[in-house]
Protein backbone atom coordinates (compact mmCIF):
# COMPACT_ATOMS: atom_id res chain seq x y z
CA MET A 1 79.01 20.74 65.69
CA THR A 2 77.42 17.36 65.01
CA ASN A 3 74.08 16.47 66.55
CA LYS A 4 74.06 13.80 69.22
CA TYR A 5 70.71 12.41 68.02
CA ASP A 6 69.22 11.86 64.58
CA LEU A 7 65.72 11.70 66.07
CA TYR A 8 64.06 12.87 69.27
CA ALA A 9 60.49 11.64 69.73
CA ILE A 10 57.74 11.99 72.30
CA GLY A 11 54.81 9.60 72.52
CA ASN A 12 52.82 7.02 74.44
CA ALA A 13 54.72 4.10 75.95
CA LEU A 14 52.59 0.99 75.48
CA VAL A 15 53.23 -2.73 75.71
CA ASP A 16 51.47 -4.42 72.78
CA SER A 17 49.67 -7.77 73.04
CA GLU A 18 48.59 -9.12 69.67
CA TYR A 19 45.85 -11.66 68.97
CA GLU A 20 44.64 -13.31 65.76
CA VAL A 21 40.83 -13.16 65.59
CA SER A 22 38.07 -13.60 63.02
CA ASP A 23 35.84 -10.78 61.82
CA ALA A 24 32.96 -12.46 63.65
CA GLN A 25 34.91 -12.44 66.91
CA LEU A 26 35.83 -8.80 66.40
CA LYS A 27 32.15 -7.99 65.99
CA THR A 28 31.16 -10.01 69.06
CA LEU A 29 33.76 -8.13 71.12
CA ALA A 30 32.41 -4.80 69.74
CA VAL A 31 35.89 -3.75 68.65
CA GLU A 32 35.79 -1.18 65.84
CA LYS A 33 37.71 -2.57 62.88
CA ARG A 34 40.84 -0.76 61.63
CA HIS A 35 40.54 1.93 64.31
CA MET A 36 42.33 2.73 67.53
CA THR A 37 39.85 2.97 70.41
CA LEU A 38 40.76 4.20 73.89
CA ILE A 39 39.49 1.90 76.64
CA ASP A 40 39.38 1.97 80.46
CA ALA A 41 40.63 -0.66 82.91
CA GLU A 42 37.21 -2.36 83.10
CA ARG A 43 36.94 -2.74 79.33
CA ARG A 44 40.52 -4.03 79.16
CA ALA A 45 39.76 -6.67 81.80
CA TYR A 46 36.69 -7.76 79.83
CA LEU A 47 38.60 -8.05 76.54
CA GLN A 48 41.47 -9.91 78.21
CA ALA A 49 39.01 -12.41 79.67
CA GLN A 50 37.49 -13.00 76.23
CA VAL A 51 40.83 -13.75 74.54
CA LYS A 52 42.61 -15.46 77.44
CA ASP A 53 42.69 -18.79 75.58
CA LYS A 54 44.32 -17.25 72.52
CA HIS A 55 48.06 -17.18 72.10
CA SER A 56 49.40 -13.63 72.24
CA ARG A 57 52.72 -11.98 71.50
CA SER A 58 53.84 -9.12 73.75
CA THR A 59 56.31 -6.50 72.57
CA GLY A 60 57.33 -2.96 73.34
CA GLY A 61 55.01 -0.66 71.40
CA GLY A 62 53.47 2.75 71.11
CA SER A 63 53.60 4.45 67.72
CA ALA A 64 56.58 6.75 68.24
CA GLY A 65 58.28 4.05 70.32
CA ASN A 66 58.18 1.75 67.30
CA THR A 67 59.56 4.56 65.14
CA VAL A 68 62.57 5.35 67.34
CA VAL A 69 63.41 1.65 67.72
CA ALA A 70 63.31 1.19 63.93
CA LEU A 71 65.65 4.13 63.41
CA ALA A 72 68.03 2.88 66.09
CA GLN A 73 68.05 -0.67 64.72
CA LEU A 74 69.01 0.72 61.31
CA GLY A 75 72.01 2.44 62.92
CA GLY A 76 70.62 5.86 63.83
CA ARG A 77 70.74 7.59 67.21
CA ALA A 78 67.45 8.21 68.99
CA PHE A 79 66.01 9.64 72.21
CA TYR A 80 62.48 8.90 73.40
CA SER A 81 60.39 10.81 75.96
CA CYS A 82 57.57 8.78 77.48
CA ARG A 83 55.98 7.67 80.77
CA VAL A 84 55.58 4.21 82.32
CA ALA A 85 54.62 3.00 85.79
CA ASP A 86 56.88 1.33 88.34
CA ASP A 87 55.55 -2.13 87.55
CA GLU A 88 56.59 -5.24 85.64
CA LEU A 89 55.53 -3.86 82.26
CA GLY A 90 57.25 -0.53 82.97
CA ALA A 91 60.53 -2.30 83.73
CA PHE A 92 60.07 -4.36 80.54
CA TYR A 93 59.53 -1.22 78.48
CA ARG A 94 62.58 0.58 79.88
CA LYS A 95 64.76 -2.46 79.26
CA ASP A 96 63.36 -2.84 75.73
CA LEU A 97 64.34 0.73 74.78
CA ALA A 98 67.82 0.34 76.24
CA SER A 99 68.41 -3.03 74.55
CA ASN A 100 67.56 -1.43 71.20
CA GLY A 101 70.01 1.42 71.77
CA VAL A 102 67.41 4.14 72.38
CA ASP A 103 68.21 6.75 75.04
CA SER A 104 65.22 7.94 77.07
CA ASN A 105 64.01 9.89 80.06
CA LEU A 106 63.38 6.49 81.73
CA ALA A 107 67.09 5.68 81.87
CA ASN A 108 67.84 7.60 85.06
CA GLY A 109 65.82 7.77 88.23
CA PRO A 110 62.72 5.93 89.42
CA LEU A 111 59.72 5.17 87.25
CA SER A 112 56.34 6.76 87.98
CA SER A 113 54.80 5.35 91.16
CA GLU A 114 51.25 6.06 90.02
CA GLY A 115 48.91 3.90 87.96
CA GLN A 116 49.79 1.10 85.55
CA THR A 117 51.92 1.01 82.41
CA GLY A 118 49.80 1.45 79.30
CA THR A 119 48.91 -1.46 77.05
CA CYS A 120 47.49 -1.93 73.57
CA MET A 121 45.47 -5.01 72.63
CA VAL A 122 45.87 -5.51 68.88
CA MET A 123 43.31 -7.72 67.14
CA VAL A 124 44.48 -8.92 63.72
CA THR A 125 41.89 -10.32 61.28
CA PRO A 126 42.60 -12.64 58.32
CA ASP A 127 42.63 -9.68 55.91
CA ALA A 128 45.74 -8.36 57.79
CA GLU A 129 43.88 -5.36 59.22
CA ARG A 130 44.68 -4.36 62.81
CA SER A 131 42.12 -3.06 65.31
CA MET A 132 43.51 -1.57 68.51
CA SER A 133 42.05 -1.22 71.99
CA THR A 134 44.38 1.04 73.96
CA PHE A 135 44.50 1.39 77.75
CA LEU A 136 46.71 4.43 78.29
CA GLY A 137 47.29 3.89 82.00
CA THR A 138 49.97 6.21 83.33
CA THR A 139 50.96 7.49 79.87
CA ALA A 140 47.69 9.48 79.94
CA ASP A 141 49.54 11.71 82.43
CA LEU A 142 52.64 12.17 80.26
CA ASP A 143 53.68 15.81 80.69
CA HIS A 144 56.50 18.31 80.15
CA THR A 145 58.64 16.75 82.91
CA ALA A 146 59.43 13.94 80.46
CA LEU A 147 61.16 16.39 78.11
CA ASP A 148 64.94 16.72 77.85
CA PRO A 149 65.44 20.21 76.34
CA GLN A 150 69.17 19.69 75.78
CA ALA A 151 68.59 16.44 73.90
CA ILE A 152 65.86 18.09 71.78
CA ALA A 153 68.16 20.95 70.81
CA ASN A 154 70.90 18.45 69.98
CA SER A 155 68.79 16.45 67.52
CA LYS A 156 68.24 16.62 63.76
CA VAL A 157 64.48 15.91 63.87
CA TYR A 158 61.85 16.35 66.60
CA TYR A 159 58.94 13.91 66.15
CA MET A 160 55.53 14.24 67.83
CA GLU A 161 53.25 11.21 67.99
CA GLY A 162 49.81 12.22 66.72
CA TYR A 163 48.07 10.09 69.35
CA LEU A 164 49.16 12.66 71.97
CA ALA A 165 46.38 14.87 70.61
CA ALA A 166 44.06 12.85 72.87
CA SER A 167 45.92 13.82 76.06
CA PRO A 168 45.85 17.45 77.32
CA THR A 169 49.12 17.06 79.25
CA GLY A 170 50.76 14.98 76.52
CA LEU A 171 49.77 17.49 73.85
CA ASP A 172 51.09 20.35 75.99
CA ALA A 173 54.41 18.51 76.39
CA ALA A 174 54.63 17.85 72.65
CA ILE A 175 54.01 21.54 71.90
CA GLN A 176 56.54 22.69 74.52
CA GLY A 177 59.08 20.40 72.89
CA ARG A 178 58.10 21.79 69.49
CA VAL A 179 58.93 25.32 70.64
CA ILE A 180 62.35 24.21 71.94
CA ALA A 181 63.06 22.37 68.69
CA LYS A 182 61.98 25.30 66.52
CA GLN A 183 64.20 27.72 68.44
CA ALA A 184 67.16 25.36 68.03
CA GLY A 185 66.62 24.95 64.28
CA VAL A 186 65.63 21.29 64.63
CA LYS A 187 63.35 19.93 61.90
CA LEU A 188 59.76 19.11 62.94
CA ALA A 189 57.76 15.98 62.16
CA THR A 190 54.46 14.40 63.13
CA THR A 191 51.93 11.85 61.99
CA LEU A 192 48.15 11.93 61.68
CA SER A 193 48.23 8.54 63.47
CA ASP A 194 44.65 7.33 63.11
CA MET A 195 41.22 8.30 61.77
CA SER A 196 39.89 8.50 65.33
CA MET A 197 42.46 11.19 66.17
CA ILE A 198 41.35 13.24 63.17
CA ASN A 199 37.66 12.82 63.96
CA PHE A 200 37.86 13.54 67.70
CA CYS A 201 41.15 15.37 68.37
CA ARG A 202 41.74 17.48 65.28
CA PRO A 203 42.57 20.74 67.15
CA GLY A 204 45.45 18.96 68.90
CA LEU A 205 46.80 17.66 65.61
CA GLU A 206 46.51 21.13 64.12
CA ALA A 207 48.56 22.50 67.03
CA MET A 208 51.31 19.95 66.32
CA ILE A 209 51.25 20.74 62.61
CA GLY A 210 51.49 24.47 63.25
CA ASN A 211 50.77 27.46 61.04
CA ALA A 212 52.37 30.56 59.58
CA GLN A 213 52.54 32.16 63.02
CA VAL A 214 54.49 29.44 64.85
CA GLY A 215 56.08 27.85 61.79
CA GLY A 216 55.08 24.73 59.92
CA LEU A 217 56.20 21.14 59.78
CA ASP A 218 59.11 19.76 57.81
CA TYR A 219 57.72 16.21 57.63
CA LEU A 220 54.20 14.79 57.88
CA PHE A 221 53.35 11.08 57.70
CA CYS A 222 49.87 9.74 56.95
CA ASN A 223 48.14 6.98 55.05
CA GLU A 224 45.65 7.54 52.26
CA GLU A 225 42.57 6.91 54.38
CA GLU A 226 43.74 9.35 57.07
CA ALA A 227 44.44 11.96 54.41
CA GLN A 228 40.97 11.47 52.92
CA VAL A 229 39.34 11.92 56.34
CA TRP A 230 41.47 15.00 57.03
CA CYS A 231 40.51 16.57 53.71
CA GLY A 232 36.92 15.36 53.59
CA SER A 233 37.50 14.11 50.06
CA GLN A 234 38.30 10.89 48.20
CA ASP A 235 39.60 12.68 45.13
CA PHE A 236 43.30 11.77 45.20
CA ALA A 237 44.54 14.87 43.36
CA ALA A 238 42.54 17.15 45.65
CA VAL A 239 43.78 15.30 48.74
CA CYS A 240 47.40 15.64 47.62
CA GLU A 241 46.93 19.34 46.97
CA GLN A 242 45.40 19.92 50.40
CA VAL A 243 47.89 17.89 52.46
CA SER A 244 50.81 19.48 50.60
CA GLN A 245 50.03 22.62 52.58
CA LEU A 246 50.56 20.86 55.93
CA ALA A 247 54.32 20.29 55.66
CA THR A 248 57.33 20.89 53.43
CA THR A 249 57.45 17.13 52.77
CA VAL A 250 54.41 14.85 53.12
CA CYS A 251 54.73 11.07 52.93
CA LEU A 252 51.35 9.63 51.97
CA THR A 253 51.36 5.83 52.10
CA ARG A 254 48.94 3.78 49.97
CA SER A 255 49.40 0.14 51.10
CA ALA A 256 50.13 -2.07 48.05
CA LYS A 257 50.31 1.04 45.82
CA GLY A 258 53.43 2.23 47.62
CA CYS A 259 53.68 5.86 48.65
CA VAL A 260 53.70 9.36 47.26
CA VAL A 261 56.22 11.91 48.50
CA ILE A 262 54.57 15.32 48.16
CA GLU A 263 56.75 18.45 48.13
CA GLY A 264 54.72 21.48 47.11
CA ASP A 265 53.58 20.80 43.54
CA LYS A 266 56.02 17.90 43.12
CA ARG A 267 54.74 14.32 43.45
CA THR A 268 57.16 11.38 43.60
CA GLU A 269 55.60 7.92 43.50
CA VAL A 270 57.65 5.13 45.06
CA PRO A 271 56.52 1.50 44.58
CA ALA A 272 55.69 -0.78 47.50
CA ALA A 273 57.59 -3.91 48.40
CA GLN A 274 55.93 -6.94 46.85
CA VAL A 275 54.76 -8.96 49.86
CA LYS A 276 51.74 -10.90 51.08
CA ALA A 277 50.24 -8.84 53.91
CA VAL A 278 49.33 -10.70 57.10
CA ASP A 279 49.40 -7.92 59.72
CA THR A 280 49.50 -4.16 59.17
CA ASN A 281 50.25 -3.34 62.84
CA GLY A 282 53.31 -1.08 63.05
CA ALA A 283 53.69 -0.51 59.30
CA GLY A 284 53.27 3.27 59.44
CA ASP A 285 55.59 3.53 62.45
CA MET A 286 58.25 1.52 60.63
CA PHE A 287 57.85 3.65 57.50
CA ALA A 288 58.46 6.85 59.49
CA GLY A 289 61.48 5.41 61.32
CA ALA A 290 63.16 4.12 58.16
CA PHE A 291 62.38 7.29 56.19
CA LEU A 292 63.79 9.57 58.90
CA TYR A 293 66.84 7.35 59.30
CA ALA A 294 67.63 7.73 55.60
CA VAL A 295 67.05 11.49 55.37
CA THR A 296 69.13 12.17 58.50
CA LYS A 297 71.93 10.25 56.76
CA GLY A 298 71.70 12.59 53.79
CA ARG A 299 69.66 10.43 51.41
CA SER A 300 67.12 11.90 48.99
CA HIS A 301 63.45 11.76 49.89
CA ALA A 302 62.77 9.34 47.04
CA ASP A 303 65.52 6.98 48.22
CA ALA A 304 64.35 7.34 51.82
CA ALA A 305 60.83 6.35 50.75
CA TRP A 306 62.23 3.29 48.94
CA LEU A 307 63.89 2.11 52.16
CA ALA A 308 60.77 2.94 54.18
CA ASN A 309 58.55 0.93 51.81
CA GLN A 310 60.85 -2.07 52.01
CA ALA A 311 60.95 -1.96 55.82
CA ALA A 312 57.19 -1.43 56.14
CA GLY A 313 56.60 -4.28 53.68
CA ALA A 314 58.66 -6.62 55.85
CA VAL A 315 56.53 -5.67 58.87
CA VAL A 316 53.20 -6.37 57.17
CA ALA A 317 54.51 -9.71 55.88
CA GLN A 318 54.79 -11.03 59.46
CA TYR A 319 52.85 -10.92 62.70
CA GLY A 320 54.08 -8.25 65.10
CA ASN A 321 54.82 -4.53 65.11
CA ARG A 322 58.62 -4.60 64.84
CA LEU A 323 61.49 -6.21 62.96
CA THR A 324 64.70 -7.60 64.39
CA GLN A 325 68.01 -5.81 63.99
CA GLN A 326 69.10 -8.64 61.67
CA GLN A 327 66.05 -8.15 59.42
CA LEU A 328 66.68 -4.42 59.18
CA ALA A 329 70.39 -4.96 58.53
CA ALA A 330 69.47 -7.13 55.54
CA ILE A 331 67.04 -4.47 54.26
CA ASN A 332 69.72 -1.80 54.73
CA ALA A 333 72.16 -3.91 52.70
CA ARG A 334 69.60 -4.06 49.87
CA PHE A 335 69.19 -0.30 50.22
CA ILE A 336 72.90 0.27 49.66
CA GLN A 337 72.71 -1.92 46.56
CA HIS A 338 69.67 0.05 45.40
CA LEU A 339 71.66 3.28 45.72
CA GLY A 340 74.29 1.76 43.44
């Protein structure tokens, strides 16, 4: 029996608004550079007032949301569990998923009547670094009712967004889904997401990663800085050794140095795409989506990482967290050539 979905993911539904700012402006706004910071409605209103004269681009977002859209745009089949409010942004988000061919729990029935749809204000500095101020809104109350057990069991990979470690109900939902996936023989994946999650929500991430008792992960995604924070070390060999114990396959991205695919004692280095970085927002999400697309289509992990690096490189070479279907189709064509 073939699986209906290549990827089932659960995560925060956020509408991204992106602004180009200077380092001085970032400092004046007291936004912590390169980090994701959770904010309340009052702080969001303040920040919006400070950047109201700046041009912004709004897109569907959320880490796992970006990942499922990338996979679907490449030609994969995806399902996304999330929560939005019954407001203008919620309707936008539901339509955005559907237009990109992603099935979701939002497709049928009314949207949540409580609160506001979550948003993420992304400040991009001239060095291409992104600093995020996230107002979770109603996605803070994401819970197990967003799960579709049948869809989980009928998927190849179950993906938990690491940011859910900050939400008790969201984390509980992710873990409930993990149990369903494990019982159905579905592969498990997650991401360390951000240094702030590691510093403040590590127990939640550890629950997603699992252990010998509940079973471990098949795939873990992280960047080098996150891995260093997780391990409390900057020694690359030691970091690789430690993170290798977290999943069967670990993808450790290193910006312009490409990535290392770690499988036990085996290390496979895959070069980065040669691009001029202007905005790193969404790069890790794109990497995960492209990598999982390739492996669910039977490609090797090294080839999957090649595709993921090319797709992530295209994201950082532009402003914005996503690529168009046409851009990804062109990258996929190069991938087929690469495979020979």
